[in-house]
Every structure is written in C-alpha cells, then in structure tokens.
Amino acid sequence: MQIENRVSALVEEKIADRPDLFLVDVKMLPNNKLIIHVDGDNGISIKDCVAISRHVGFHLEEENTIETAYNLEVSSPGVGEPLKLNRQYLKNIGRTLSIKLGNGSQKEGKLLEVNDNSITIEEEVKEKGKKVQLVNSQIELNDITETKVLISFK
C-alpha cells in the first residue's frame, strides 16, 4: 500500500497543472507489475501517458522505492474496466451502462444524470411481456457494486 500511495502522489504532482486529467487507480500486482490508470474529461493522449510514466519512473528509481525489478504501465482504463469515480460517470452521460447492485440485481440503461450521491438512468421496462416503456430510475451510488459502459457497434 505504501508504494501505491507514493505513486498516487507522484501522478497527482505530474497532472497538477492539467485540470482535465485525473487519477483513477494505482495497483501493484504480485508479479511486480505497477499499473496506473489515468483518464481525462476528454480522454487522455499517449503523450500524456508517456510523460506520467517518465515522471513516476524517474522518481521511483531516484528514491529506490521499489527494490526489485518491476514493470510500469500507464494507460487509460480499458473498455471493460468498471467505473470507479464520479468523474467517470460524468464523462459517460448519454452512454448505456450495465450496473450491478448490492442486492444481486442488475440494471441496464442510458445514463442521464449524475450527482454526488446517485445516478439516473433511462431503462426499458417490459409491461405484460410485450410493450416496452422507458422509465427513469435513480440509483444510489452506495447501492452499486460495479458499473461498466456497454459498447454498441450499431
């Protein structure tokens, strides 16, 4: 956990002058693979990922933070990665989400609105097995265990 905290601080330091970028996650895997996920309100460029990687790598080497060989990977969260931050929800307004809830149920719908405590989606509800009705559902963020953006190839 110490390594993740130091890496998080280094990333935040590097992107401090870029209000459009934000740190999503830092993970140190057992195989000494250090994964940093950074995103942006309008995406993140390879150039930004390289700059973050160089900054973090330089400081980790200088400080000898990680004593063994490690692999450093800086990228945006992949398509299949769950949303973790409110800012990621905001970025995905208008997209279709798959949401797993704490009670084991699942919802799917178009993200309409995001606030500090909840999201609102438009989901299709079948009435009597045939007629489809669009219903707005508000979901508390505390009730969500996982949210993924569904990719449409239409």
C-alpha atoms as a PDB file:
ATOM      1  CA  MET A   1       0.000   0.000   0.000  1.00  0.00           C
ATOM      2  CA  GLN A   2       2.935   2.314   0.650  1.00  0.00           C
ATOM      3  CA  ILE A   3       4.054   2.021  -2.972  1.00  0.00           C
ATOM      4  CA  GLU A   4       0.560   2.786  -4.292  1.00  0.00           C
ATOM      5  CA  ASN A   5       0.329   5.862  -2.049  1.00  0.00           C
ATOM      6  CA  ARG A   6       3.706   7.179  -3.237  1.00  0.00           C
ATOM      7  CA  VAL A   7       2.842   6.525  -6.885  1.00  0.00           C
ATOM      8  CA  SER A   8      -0.546   8.249  -6.463  1.00  0.00           C
ATOM      9  CA  ALA A   9       1.222  11.311  -5.039  1.00  0.00           C
ATOM     10  CA  LEU A  10       3.687  11.340  -7.957  1.00  0.00           C
ATOM     11  CA  VAL A  11       0.895  11.120 -10.535  1.00  0.00           C
ATOM     12  CA  GLU A  12      -1.096  13.878  -8.818  1.00  0.00           C
ATOM     13  CA  GLU A  13       2.060  16.005  -8.780  1.00  0.00           C
ATOM     14  CA  LYS A  14       2.589  15.469 -12.515  1.00  0.00           C
ATOM     15  CA  ILE A  15      -1.009  16.261 -13.525  1.00  0.00           C
ATOM     16  CA  ALA A  16      -1.497  19.140 -11.064  1.00  0.00           C
ATOM     17  CA  ASP A  17      -1.340  21.671 -13.906  1.00  0.00           C
ATOM     18  CA  ARG A  18      -3.829  19.668 -16.013  1.00  0.00           C
ATOM     19  CA  PRO A  19      -7.318  20.037 -14.502  1.00  0.00           C
ATOM     20  CA  ASP A  20      -8.749  17.926 -17.358  1.00  0.00           C
ATOM     21  CA  LEU A  21      -6.804  14.825 -16.225  1.00  0.00           C
ATOM     22  CA  PHE A  22      -7.483  12.664 -13.175  1.00  0.00           C
ATOM     23  CA  LEU A  23      -6.041   9.594 -11.492  1.00  0.00           C
ATOM     24  CA  VAL A  24      -8.394   6.609 -11.498  1.00  0.00           C
ATOM     25  CA  ASP A  25      -6.370   3.831  -9.902  1.00  0.00           C
ATOM     26  CA  VAL A  26      -2.910   2.559  -8.934  1.00  0.00           C
ATOM     27  CA  LYS A  27      -2.292  -1.167  -8.458  1.00  0.00           C
ATOM     28  CA  MET A  28       0.892  -3.035  -7.592  1.00  0.00           C
ATOM     29  CA  LEU A  29       0.328  -6.640  -8.629  1.00  0.00           C
ATOM     30  CA  PRO A  30       2.126  -9.600  -7.004  1.00  0.00           C
ATOM     31  CA  ASN A  31       4.206 -10.127 -10.176  1.00  0.00           C
ATOM     32  CA  ASN A  32       5.763  -6.640  -9.676  1.00  0.00           C
ATOM     33  CA  LYS A  33       3.620  -5.056 -12.357  1.00  0.00           C
ATOM     34  CA  LEU A  34       2.700  -1.484 -11.436  1.00  0.00           C
ATOM     35  CA  ILE A  35      -0.456  -0.362 -13.228  1.00  0.00           C
ATOM     36  CA  ILE A  36      -1.548   3.282 -13.279  1.00  0.00           C
ATOM     37  CA  HIS A  37      -4.900   4.249 -14.791  1.00  0.00           C
ATOM     38  CA  VAL A  38      -5.316   7.915 -15.629  1.00  0.00           C
ATOM     39  CA  ASP A  39      -8.224   9.420 -17.541  1.00  0.00           C
ATOM     40  CA  GLY A  40      -9.348  12.787 -18.779  1.00  0.00           C
ATOM     41  CA  ASP A  41     -12.612  14.613 -19.249  1.00  0.00           C
ATOM     42  CA  ASN A  42     -11.928  14.358 -22.987  1.00  0.00           C
ATOM     43  CA  GLY A  43      -9.766  11.236 -22.864  1.00  0.00           C
ATOM     44  CA  ILE A  44      -6.007  11.058 -22.409  1.00  0.00           C
ATOM     45  CA  SER A  45      -3.294  11.021 -25.054  1.00  0.00           C
ATOM     46  CA  ILE A  46      -0.384   8.633 -25.399  1.00  0.00           C
ATOM     47  CA  LYS A  47       1.883  11.655 -24.949  1.00  0.00           C
ATOM     48  CA  ASP A  48       0.305  12.330 -21.534  1.00  0.00           C
ATOM     49  CA  CYS A  49       0.693   8.669 -20.513  1.00  0.00           C
ATOM     50  CA  VAL A  50       4.368   8.725 -21.541  1.00  0.00           C
ATOM     51  CA  ALA A  51       5.014  11.917 -19.562  1.00  0.00           C
ATOM     52  CA  ILE A  52       3.374  10.439 -16.461  1.00  0.00           C
ATOM     53  CA  SER A  53       5.308   7.184 -16.872  1.00  0.00           C
ATOM     54  CA  ARG A  54       8.634   9.011 -17.167  1.00  0.00           C
ATOM     55  CA  HIS A  55       7.887  11.215 -14.155  1.00  0.00           C
ATOM     56  CA  VAL A  56       6.811   8.319 -11.939  1.00  0.00           C
ATOM     57  CA  GLY A  57       9.589   6.007 -13.143  1.00  0.00           C
ATOM     58  CA  PHE A  58      12.287   8.629 -12.617  1.00  0.00           C
ATOM     59  CA  HIS A  59      11.218   9.379  -9.047  1.00  0.00           C
ATOM     60  CA  LEU A  60      10.736   5.714  -8.109  1.00  0.00           C
ATOM     61  CA  GLU A  61      14.264   4.957  -9.343  1.00  0.00           C
ATOM     62  CA  GLU A  62      15.788   8.010  -7.622  1.00  0.00           C
ATOM     63  CA  GLU A  63      14.107   7.160  -4.316  1.00  0.00           C
ATOM     64  CA  ASN A  64      14.662   3.397  -4.728  1.00  0.00           C
ATOM     65  CA  THR A  65      11.008   2.963  -3.734  1.00  0.00           C
ATOM     66  CA  ILE A  66      10.734  -0.476  -5.340  1.00  0.00           C
ATOM     67  CA  GLU A  67      13.795  -2.576  -4.594  1.00  0.00           C
ATOM     68  CA  THR A  68      13.154  -5.318  -7.169  1.00  0.00           C
ATOM     69  CA  ALA A  69      12.647  -5.111 -10.936  1.00  0.00           C
ATOM     70  CA  TYR A  70       9.146  -4.011 -11.888  1.00  0.00           C
ATOM     71  CA  ASN A  71       7.067  -3.304 -14.967  1.00  0.00           C
ATOM     72  CA  LEU A  72       5.373   0.126 -15.135  1.00  0.00           C
ATOM     73  CA  GLU A  73       2.222   0.518 -17.225  1.00  0.00           C
ATOM     74  CA  VAL A  74       0.393   3.844 -17.576  1.00  0.00           C
ATOM     75  CA  SER A  75      -2.850   3.911 -19.564  1.00  0.00           C
ATOM     76  CA  SER A  76      -6.456   4.959 -19.535  1.00  0.00           C
ATOM     77  CA  PRO A  77      -8.845   2.397 -18.044  1.00  0.00           C
ATOM     78  CA  GLY A  78      -9.809  -0.156 -20.674  1.00  0.00           C
ATOM     79  CA  VAL A  79     -13.247  -0.543 -22.195  1.00  0.00           C
ATOM     80  CA  GLY A  80     -14.140  -3.403 -19.872  1.00  0.00           C
ATOM     81  CA  GLU A  81     -12.919  -1.683 -16.713  1.00  0.00           C
ATOM     82  CA  PRO A  82     -15.594  -0.735 -14.166  1.00  0.00           C
ATOM     83  CA  LEU A  83     -16.242   2.937 -13.450  1.00  0.00           C
ATOM     84  CA  LYS A  84     -14.760   3.960 -10.094  1.00  0.00           C
ATOM     85  CA  LEU A  85     -15.047   7.732  -9.850  1.00  0.00           C
ATOM     86  CA  ASN A  86     -17.941  10.148 -10.063  1.00  0.00           C
ATOM     87  CA  ARG A  87     -15.959  11.996 -12.730  1.00  0.00           C
ATOM     88  CA  GLN A  88     -16.003   8.866 -14.908  1.00  0.00           C
ATOM     89  CA  TYR A  89     -19.794   8.743 -14.653  1.00  0.00           C
ATOM     90  CA  LEU A  90     -19.982  12.398 -15.725  1.00  0.00           C
ATOM     91  CA  LYS A  91     -17.789  11.642 -18.726  1.00  0.00           C
ATOM     92  CA  ASN A  92     -20.178   8.863 -19.800  1.00  0.00           C
ATOM     93  CA  ILE A  93     -23.511  10.700 -19.692  1.00  0.00           C
ATOM     94  CA  GLY A  94     -25.534   9.581 -22.699  1.00  0.00           C
ATOM     95  CA  ARG A  95     -23.919   6.126 -22.873  1.00  0.00           C
ATOM     96  CA  THR A  96     -25.516   2.822 -21.936  1.00  0.00           C
ATOM     97  CA  LEU A  97     -24.379   1.283 -18.651  1.00  0.00           C
ATOM     98  CA  SER A  98     -24.593  -2.161 -17.105  1.00  0.00           C
ATOM     99  CA  ILE A  99     -24.980  -1.795 -13.347  1.00  0.00           C
ATOM    100  CA  LYS A 100     -24.679  -4.499 -10.692  1.00  0.00           C
ATOM    101  CA  LEU A 101     -26.369  -3.705  -7.400  1.00  0.00           C
ATOM    102  CA  GLY A 102     -25.530  -4.865  -3.894  1.00  0.00           C
ATOM    103  CA  ASN A 103     -28.729  -6.906  -3.680  1.00  0.00           C
ATOM    104  CA  GLY A 104     -27.574  -9.036  -6.641  1.00  0.00           C
ATOM    105  CA  SER A 105     -29.853  -7.474  -9.232  1.00  0.00           C
ATOM    106  CA  GLN A 106     -28.667  -5.842 -12.424  1.00  0.00           C
ATOM    107  CA  LYS A 107     -29.880  -2.812 -14.353  1.00  0.00           C
ATOM    108  CA  GLU A 108     -29.084  -1.568 -17.817  1.00  0.00           C
ATOM    109  CA  GLY A 109     -29.854   1.826 -19.233  1.00  0.00           C
ATOM    110  CA  LYS A 110     -28.756   5.118 -20.691  1.00  0.00           C
ATOM    111  CA  LEU A 111     -27.015   7.385 -18.182  1.00  0.00           C
ATOM    112  CA  LEU A 112     -28.972  10.637 -17.951  1.00  0.00           C
ATOM    113  CA  GLU A 113     -27.730  12.406 -14.840  1.00  0.00           C
ATOM    114  CA  VAL A 114     -25.029  12.218 -12.185  1.00  0.00           C
ATOM    115  CA  ASN A 115     -24.826  13.902  -8.793  1.00  0.00           C
ATOM    116  CA  ASP A 116     -22.727  13.359  -5.670  1.00  0.00           C
ATOM    117  CA  ASN A 117     -24.874  10.534  -4.279  1.00  0.00           C
ATOM    118  CA  SER A 118     -26.770   8.985  -7.188  1.00  0.00           C
ATOM    119  CA  ILE A 119     -27.147   8.493 -10.913  1.00  0.00           C
ATOM    120  CA  THR A 120     -30.265   8.476 -13.072  1.00  0.00           C
ATOM    121  CA  ILE A 121     -30.627   6.049 -15.955  1.00  0.00           C
ATOM    122  CA  GLU A 122     -33.306   5.542 -18.574  1.00  0.00           C
ATOM    123  CA  GLU A 123     -34.121   1.857 -18.749  1.00  0.00           C
ATOM    124  CA  GLU A 124     -36.522  -0.160 -20.839  1.00  0.00           C
ATOM    125  CA  VAL A 125     -39.203  -1.906 -18.805  1.00  0.00           C
ATOM    126  CA  LYS A 126     -41.459  -4.512 -20.409  1.00  0.00           C
ATOM    127  CA  GLU A 127     -45.083  -4.396 -19.421  1.00  0.00           C
ATOM    128  CA  LYS A 128     -47.024  -7.660 -19.669  1.00  0.00           C
ATOM    129  CA  GLY A 129     -44.169  -9.215 -21.606  1.00  0.00           C
ATOM    130  CA  LYS A 130     -44.514  -7.169 -24.789  1.00  0.00           C
ATOM    131  CA  LYS A 131     -44.948  -3.412 -24.532  1.00  0.00           C
ATOM    132  CA  VAL A 132     -41.707  -1.569 -23.783  1.00  0.00           C
ATOM    133  CA  GLN A 133     -41.787   1.577 -21.705  1.00  0.00           C
ATOM    134  CA  LEU A 134     -38.864   3.887 -20.938  1.00  0.00           C
ATOM    135  CA  VAL A 135     -38.548   4.597 -17.223  1.00  0.00           C
ATOM    136  CA  ASN A 136     -36.121   6.886 -15.420  1.00  0.00           C
ATOM    137  CA  SER A 137     -34.563   5.160 -12.418  1.00  0.00           C
ATOM    138  CA  GLN A 138     -32.485   6.878  -9.766  1.00  0.00           C
ATOM    139  CA  ILE A 139     -29.806   4.637  -8.256  1.00  0.00           C
ATOM    140  CA  GLU A 140     -27.845   5.480  -5.132  1.00  0.00           C
ATOM    141  CA  LEU A 141     -24.082   5.180  -5.690  1.00  0.00           C
ATOM    142  CA  ASN A 142     -23.804   3.298  -2.364  1.00  0.00           C
ATOM    143  CA  ASP A 143     -26.056   0.561  -3.807  1.00  0.00           C
ATOM    144  CA  ILE A 144     -23.789  -0.010  -6.837  1.00  0.00           C
ATOM    145  CA  THR A 145     -21.147  -2.742  -6.707  1.00  0.00           C
ATOM    146  CA  GLU A 146     -19.984  -2.409 -10.329  1.00  0.00           C
ATOM    147  CA  THR A 147     -20.743  -0.266 -13.362  1.00  0.00           C
ATOM    148  CA  LYS A 148     -19.459  -0.859 -16.873  1.00  0.00           C
ATOM    149  CA  VAL A 149     -20.062   1.088 -20.062  1.00  0.00           C
ATOM    150  CA  LEU A 150     -21.663  -1.057 -22.741  1.00  0.00           C
ATOM    151  CA  ILE A 151     -20.145  -0.619 -26.162  1.00  0.00           C
ATOM    152  CA  SER A 152     -22.512  -0.537 -29.114  1.00  0.00           C
ATOM    153  CA  PHE A 153     -21.358  -1.403 -32.623  1.00  0.00           C
ATOM    154  CA  LYS A 154     -24.502  -0.189 -34.385  1.00  0.00           C
END
